Protein backbone atom coordinates (compact mmCIF):
# COMPACT_ATOMS: atom_id res chain seq x y z
CA MET A 1 180.28 1.03 235.89
CA ALA A 2 177.40 -1.45 235.97
CA LEU A 3 178.73 -2.78 239.28
CA CYS A 4 178.84 0.73 240.76
CA VAL A 5 175.29 1.38 239.60
CA GLN A 6 174.08 -1.80 241.24
CA LEU A 7 175.93 -1.02 244.47
CA ALA A 8 174.39 2.43 244.58
CA PHE A 9 170.94 0.87 244.47
CA ALA A 10 172.00 -1.74 247.02
CA LEU A 11 172.17 0.95 249.68
CA LEU A 12 168.55 -0.04 250.30
CA TRP A 13 170.01 -3.29 251.72
CA ALA A 14 167.11 -5.43 250.59
CA THR A 15 167.13 -9.06 251.72
CA ASN A 16 165.33 -10.18 248.57
CA TRP A 17 166.31 -9.16 245.03
CA LEU A 18 163.30 -10.15 242.96
CA THR A 19 163.94 -8.69 239.51
CA PHE A 20 166.61 -7.34 237.19
CA ARG A 21 168.22 -4.32 238.91
CA MET A 22 165.80 -4.84 241.83
CA GLY A 23 163.71 -1.69 241.30
CA PRO A 24 160.13 -1.62 239.99
CA THR A 25 161.23 -0.04 236.69
CA ASN A 26 164.16 -2.35 235.73
CA ASN A 27 166.04 0.95 235.72
CA ALA A 28 169.56 1.76 236.78
CA VAL A 29 170.29 4.29 239.53
CA VAL A 30 172.21 7.47 238.90
CA ASN A 31 174.93 7.84 241.53
CA ASP A 32 176.00 11.49 242.00
CA PRO A 33 178.99 11.17 244.38
CA PRO A 34 182.42 10.42 242.85
CA LEU A 35 183.05 6.70 242.41
CA ARG A 36 186.30 5.00 243.41
CA VAL A 37 187.60 1.45 243.51
CA THR A 38 187.78 0.04 247.06
CA TRP A 39 188.48 -3.61 246.20
CA LYS A 40 188.82 -5.97 243.23
CA ALA A 41 187.81 -9.64 242.98
CA VAL A 42 188.90 -12.06 240.25
CA THR A 43 185.82 -14.02 239.17
CA GLY A 44 187.37 -16.55 236.78
CA GLY A 45 185.81 -15.36 233.53
CA ALA A 46 184.26 -12.52 231.55
CA ILE A 47 181.04 -11.10 233.01
CA SER A 48 177.84 -10.48 231.04
CA SER A 49 175.60 -10.73 234.12
CA SER A 50 174.57 -7.84 236.36
CA PRO A 51 175.37 -8.52 240.04
CA SER A 52 172.89 -8.59 242.93
CA THR A 53 173.36 -8.12 246.67
CA ASP A 54 171.64 -8.72 249.99
CA GLY A 55 173.73 -6.03 251.69
CA THR A 56 176.32 -8.50 252.97
CA LEU A 57 177.31 -10.56 249.94
CA LEU A 58 177.50 -9.64 246.27
CA TYR A 59 176.44 -12.38 243.84
CA VAL A 60 177.68 -12.44 240.26
CA GLY A 61 177.90 -15.10 237.57
CA ASN A 62 180.29 -15.22 234.63
CA ASN A 63 180.44 -16.58 231.11
CA THR A 64 182.47 -19.65 232.07
CA GLY A 65 179.82 -20.85 234.52
CA TYR A 66 181.19 -19.62 237.86
CA LEU A 67 178.81 -18.17 240.43
CA ASN A 68 180.68 -16.17 243.05
CA ALA A 69 179.49 -14.86 246.41
CA ILE A 70 181.74 -11.95 247.36
CA ASP A 71 181.98 -10.15 250.70
CA LEU A 72 180.63 -6.69 249.99
CA GLN A 73 183.02 -4.94 252.38
CA THR A 74 186.29 -6.72 251.65
CA GLY A 75 185.95 -8.23 248.16
CA ASN A 76 186.88 -11.68 249.49
CA ILE A 77 185.17 -14.57 247.70
CA VAL A 78 183.08 -16.42 250.30
CA TRP A 79 181.99 -19.33 248.07
CA THR A 80 182.04 -20.36 244.41
CA ARG A 81 179.94 -22.79 242.41
CA HIS A 82 180.75 -23.95 238.88
CA LEU A 83 177.85 -24.78 236.55
CA PRO A 84 177.99 -26.53 233.17
CA ASN A 85 177.24 -23.45 231.06
CA ALA A 86 177.44 -19.65 231.05
CA LEU A 87 175.69 -17.55 233.72
CA MET A 88 174.46 -14.42 231.96
CA SER A 89 171.23 -13.72 233.84
CA ALA A 90 171.25 -11.48 236.90
CA PRO A 91 171.01 -13.57 240.11
CA LEU A 92 167.76 -13.26 242.07
CA LEU A 93 167.62 -13.48 245.87
CA TYR A 94 164.59 -15.01 247.54
CA ASP A 95 164.16 -16.21 251.13
CA GLY A 96 167.78 -17.25 251.63
CA LEU A 97 168.25 -18.56 248.08
CA VAL A 98 170.28 -17.20 245.18
CA ILE A 99 168.65 -18.19 241.87
CA VAL A 100 170.53 -18.08 238.54
CA GLY A 101 169.79 -18.81 234.90
CA VAL A 102 172.17 -21.18 233.08
CA GLY A 103 172.60 -21.05 229.30
CA ASP A 104 174.74 -19.79 226.43
CA GLU A 105 174.11 -17.36 223.58
CA LEU A 106 174.73 -19.85 220.76
CA SER A 107 171.95 -20.49 218.25
CA THR A 108 171.23 -22.63 215.20
CA GLY A 109 171.38 -19.66 212.84
CA SER A 110 170.83 -15.94 212.50
CA SER A 111 167.41 -14.28 212.31
CA PRO A 112 165.11 -15.11 210.69
CA GLN A 113 166.47 -18.66 210.35
CA ALA A 114 167.25 -19.11 214.06
CA VAL A 115 164.95 -21.58 215.73
CA PHE A 116 166.69 -22.08 219.05
CA VAL A 117 168.99 -20.15 221.41
CA GLY A 118 171.08 -22.18 223.83
CA ILE A 119 173.14 -25.10 222.54
CA GLY A 120 174.54 -26.35 225.86
CA PRO A 121 172.73 -27.26 229.11
CA SER A 122 170.04 -24.73 230.09
CA ALA A 123 168.41 -24.51 233.50
CA ILE A 124 167.42 -22.37 236.45
CA ASP A 125 169.30 -23.32 239.61
CA ALA A 126 168.94 -22.28 243.23
CA PHE A 127 171.62 -22.31 245.95
CA ASP A 128 171.80 -21.46 249.62
CA ALA A 129 172.79 -17.80 249.62
CA ARG A 130 175.17 -18.19 252.58
CA THR A 131 176.87 -21.52 251.81
CA GLY A 132 176.37 -22.16 248.07
CA ALA A 133 174.75 -25.53 248.75
CA SER A 134 172.51 -26.67 245.88
CA LYS A 135 168.79 -26.40 246.69
CA TRP A 136 166.95 -27.12 243.44
CA HIS A 137 167.49 -27.53 239.68
CA ALA A 138 164.93 -26.94 236.92
CA ALA A 139 165.95 -27.71 233.34
CA VAL A 140 164.51 -25.38 230.69
CA ALA A 141 164.03 -25.88 226.96
CA GLY A 142 166.32 -23.07 225.77
CA SER A 143 168.98 -20.78 227.14
CA ALA A 144 168.18 -19.16 230.49
CA MET A 145 170.23 -16.03 229.71
CA SER A 146 167.09 -13.97 230.17
CA THR A 147 166.67 -12.77 233.77
CA PRO A 148 163.46 -13.98 235.45
CA ALA A 149 161.36 -12.03 237.95
CA ILE A 150 159.65 -13.13 241.15
CA ILE A 151 156.19 -11.58 241.42
CA ASN A 152 153.71 -12.45 244.16
CA GLY A 153 155.69 -15.56 245.06
CA MET A 154 155.92 -16.81 241.46
CA LEU A 155 159.12 -16.95 239.39
CA VAL A 156 158.37 -16.19 235.73
CA HIS A 157 160.91 -16.72 232.95
CA HIS A 158 161.06 -16.47 229.13
CA ASN A 159 163.72 -18.74 227.61
CA GLY A 160 165.70 -19.16 224.40
CA ALA A 161 163.32 -21.76 222.99
CA GLY A 162 160.36 -19.39 223.23
CA TRP A 163 158.71 -20.83 226.33
CA VAL A 164 157.42 -18.79 229.27
CA THR A 165 157.52 -20.87 232.44
CA ALA A 166 156.47 -20.20 236.00
CA LEU A 167 158.19 -21.88 238.94
CA ASP A 168 157.78 -21.95 242.69
CA PRO A 169 160.94 -20.04 243.73
CA SER A 170 161.21 -22.03 246.97
CA THR A 171 161.20 -25.47 245.33
CA GLY A 172 161.68 -25.03 241.57
CA LYS A 173 158.41 -26.88 240.91
CA GLN A 174 156.83 -25.83 237.60
CA LYS A 175 153.43 -24.16 237.85
CA TYR A 176 152.78 -23.70 234.12
CA ALA A 177 154.51 -23.40 230.75
CA ARG A 178 153.41 -21.56 227.61
CA ASN A 179 155.10 -21.44 224.22
CA LEU A 180 155.15 -17.92 222.75
CA HIS A 181 157.09 -19.14 219.68
CA SER A 182 159.32 -16.12 220.22
CA LEU A 183 162.88 -16.40 221.56
CA ALA A 184 164.30 -14.43 224.50
CA SER A 185 168.03 -14.05 225.01
CA MET A 186 169.54 -11.25 227.18
CA SER A 187 166.21 -9.67 228.11
CA ALA A 188 164.48 -9.65 231.51
CA ALA A 189 160.91 -10.10 232.72
CA LEU A 190 159.56 -6.63 233.63
CA PRO A 191 156.98 -6.58 236.46
CA VAL A 192 154.05 -4.19 235.96
CA GLY A 193 151.23 -3.83 238.45
CA ASP A 194 150.59 -6.55 240.99
CA ASN A 195 150.09 -9.56 238.77
CA ARG A 196 151.47 -8.86 235.29
CA PHE A 197 154.82 -8.77 233.54
CA ILE A 198 156.23 -7.71 230.17
CA THR A 199 158.55 -9.74 227.96
CA ALA A 200 159.74 -9.62 224.35
CA GLY A 201 161.25 -11.96 221.78
CA VAL A 202 162.36 -12.58 218.21
CA LEU A 203 161.17 -14.77 215.30
CA ASP A 204 157.71 -13.60 216.25
CA ASN A 205 158.97 -10.07 216.85
CA ALA A 206 156.69 -8.81 219.59
CA VAL A 207 156.26 -7.47 223.10
CA TRP A 208 153.77 -9.15 225.42
CA GLU A 209 152.14 -8.26 228.70
CA LEU A 210 151.26 -11.51 230.43
CA SER A 211 149.40 -12.58 233.56
CA VAL A 212 151.69 -13.90 236.28
CA ALA A 213 148.96 -16.26 237.49
CA ASP A 214 148.62 -18.33 234.32
CA GLY A 215 150.74 -16.79 231.55
CA SER A 216 147.72 -15.62 229.57
CA THR A 217 148.07 -12.62 227.26
CA VAL A 218 146.93 -9.22 228.49
CA TRP A 219 148.13 -7.60 225.26
CA ARG A 220 150.56 -8.27 222.43
CA THR A 221 152.24 -5.67 220.19
CA GLY A 222 153.91 -6.95 217.06
CA PHE A 223 156.81 -5.42 215.13
CA SER A 224 158.14 -5.85 211.60
CA PRO A 225 159.30 -9.42 210.88
CA GLU A 226 162.40 -7.93 209.24
CA GLY A 227 163.70 -6.58 212.57
CA SER A 228 165.88 -8.19 215.23
CA GLY A 229 167.10 -7.63 218.79
CA HIS A 230 163.67 -7.58 220.44
CA GLY A 231 164.73 -10.33 222.86
CA ASP A 232 168.20 -8.91 223.45
CA CYS A 233 167.70 -6.32 226.19
CA PRO A 234 165.61 -5.62 229.30
CA ALA A 235 162.90 -3.02 228.77
CA VAL A 236 162.34 -0.21 231.29
CA THR A 237 159.18 1.54 232.45
CA ASP A 238 158.10 4.70 234.19
CA GLY A 239 154.78 3.05 235.15
CA THR A 240 152.97 4.52 232.16
CA ARG A 241 155.21 3.55 229.25
CA VAL A 242 157.44 0.59 228.51
CA VAL A 243 160.55 1.57 226.55
CA CYS A 244 163.15 -0.45 224.65
CA ASP A 245 164.92 -0.69 221.27
CA TYR A 246 165.55 -3.01 218.34
CA MET A 247 167.31 -3.17 214.95
CA MET A 248 166.02 -2.88 211.39
CA PRO A 249 167.94 -3.97 208.27
CA ALA A 250 169.48 -1.51 205.86
CA PRO A 251 167.50 -0.68 202.69
CA GLY A 252 167.59 -3.52 200.21
CA GLN A 253 168.03 -6.24 202.85
CA SER A 254 165.26 -8.53 204.03
CA TYR A 255 166.72 -9.05 207.52
CA THR A 256 169.59 -7.87 209.70
CA ILE A 257 173.03 -9.38 209.10
CA ALA A 258 176.01 -9.02 211.44
CA GLY A 259 178.71 -6.99 209.71
CA ASN A 260 176.21 -5.16 207.46
CA LYS A 261 174.52 -1.83 208.03
CA ALA A 262 171.42 -1.64 210.20
CA THR A 263 169.37 1.02 211.95
CA GLN A 264 168.74 1.09 215.69
CA ARG A 265 165.17 2.13 216.60
CA ALA A 266 163.64 3.03 219.97
CA PHE A 267 159.99 2.65 220.94
CA ALA A 268 157.53 3.32 223.75
CA LEU A 269 154.35 1.35 224.38
CA ASP A 270 151.39 2.16 226.61
CA VAL A 271 151.66 -0.14 229.65
CA LYS A 272 147.89 -0.66 229.91
CA THR A 273 147.09 -1.33 226.26
CA GLY A 274 150.35 -2.02 224.41
CA ALA A 275 149.57 0.78 221.94
CA VAL A 276 152.66 2.19 220.19
CA LEU A 277 153.24 5.72 221.50
CA TRP A 278 156.33 6.31 219.36
CA ASP A 279 158.87 4.34 217.31
CA VAL A 280 161.84 6.39 216.10
CA PRO A 281 165.20 5.77 214.38
CA LEU A 282 168.38 6.49 216.39
CA GLU A 283 171.58 5.47 214.59
CA THR A 284 172.63 3.66 211.43
CA GLY A 285 175.91 1.74 211.26
CA VAL A 286 177.50 -1.70 211.19
CA LEU A 287 175.65 -4.35 213.21
CA PRO A 288 177.89 -6.31 215.64
CA PRO A 289 177.51 -10.11 215.97
CA ARG A 290 176.08 -9.94 219.50
CA ASN A 291 173.98 -7.62 221.64
CA GLU A 292 171.72 -6.22 218.95
CA ALA A 293 169.98 -3.91 221.42
CA ALA A 294 171.10 -1.62 224.26
CA ILE A 295 169.63 -1.36 227.77
CA PRO A 296 167.82 1.98 228.09
CA LEU A 297 168.07 4.34 231.07
CA LEU A 298 165.25 6.58 232.31
CA PHE A 299 166.25 9.81 234.02
CA ASN A 300 164.44 13.14 234.50
CA GLY A 301 161.84 12.52 231.82
CA ARG A 302 164.33 11.34 229.21
CA VAL A 303 165.32 7.91 227.99
CA TYR A 304 168.96 7.26 227.07
CA PHE A 305 170.28 4.52 224.80
CA GLY A 306 173.77 3.27 224.10
CA SER A 307 174.42 2.80 220.40
CA CYS A 308 174.17 -0.77 219.08
CA VAL A 309 176.11 -0.09 215.90
CA VAL A 310 179.87 -0.03 215.48
CA ALA A 311 180.13 3.08 213.34
CA PHE A 312 178.79 5.55 215.92
CA MET A 313 178.74 4.34 219.56
CA GLN A 314 177.17 7.63 220.70
CA ASP A 315 176.32 6.73 224.29
CA ARG A 316 174.53 10.00 225.00
CA LYS A 317 171.81 9.59 222.40
CA SER A 318 168.48 10.27 224.06
CA THR A 319 164.87 11.10 223.31
CA ARG A 320 162.10 12.65 225.37
CA LEU A 321 159.69 10.09 226.80
CA ASN A 322 156.66 11.92 225.45
CA SER A 323 158.10 12.60 221.98
């Protein structure tokens, strides 16, 4: 379904794909016509990454390190590259390059003991979008599962060791690096305005709005240190609010534990100030070992969340944006 959603948005046939899901909101696209399978491609591994397209080729990475470029019309694989670790970030397309984040989901412990996400090699790599030839390689301190964004010619990325780095997307040369001491995993940089972006992380459970130019803080909104999942999913925005979710431990526990009960919560922050507009409980159930947050969807003034807990899995749970 995620592939169909991406393809629906790809009808814009953009040459560059500069952010998660390409649109200015990080939001999926609702596709009204009936969907049907027209081709199938075997990618060589399970897929946690969202695909991207330039209108001719579809680019998708998988959890065994294969990056595939697939003909959008036929499903034929045009070229494949194998990297030394999982590819879980969504590929970005920029001036003839396809840029991917390399890194696994393994950590040294569970929150709040975790101090590092990404045990194997972690990097951001760029390839020629037509041939797959390697163009540049930039090692990063922690897992590059989190999807970067390219804003005003700057690639910004928050990694599994807590660092925010900015790279020249043409060359991979580092422009600056800043340690937030907060770990990102399967999240994505969210562009807002012309020169700012939003990111979130765990250990220091918080959401930041940062300047693209130098990584300085525009605002920071902190959450309870007992929570988890803040760095696990890409936030969405309607231009006024930024919306996402996280997990809180069950009563009597000091932090969330996989296999124990936890409560999923959803929140909205003011984009300009970071002020909390609402923070509400959704579901309570058993916390799975991975993916402690669910990617929200904005549609017709409502925000929809998939359930993060095993006991319920109520995919149609929603709340009004202005509640």
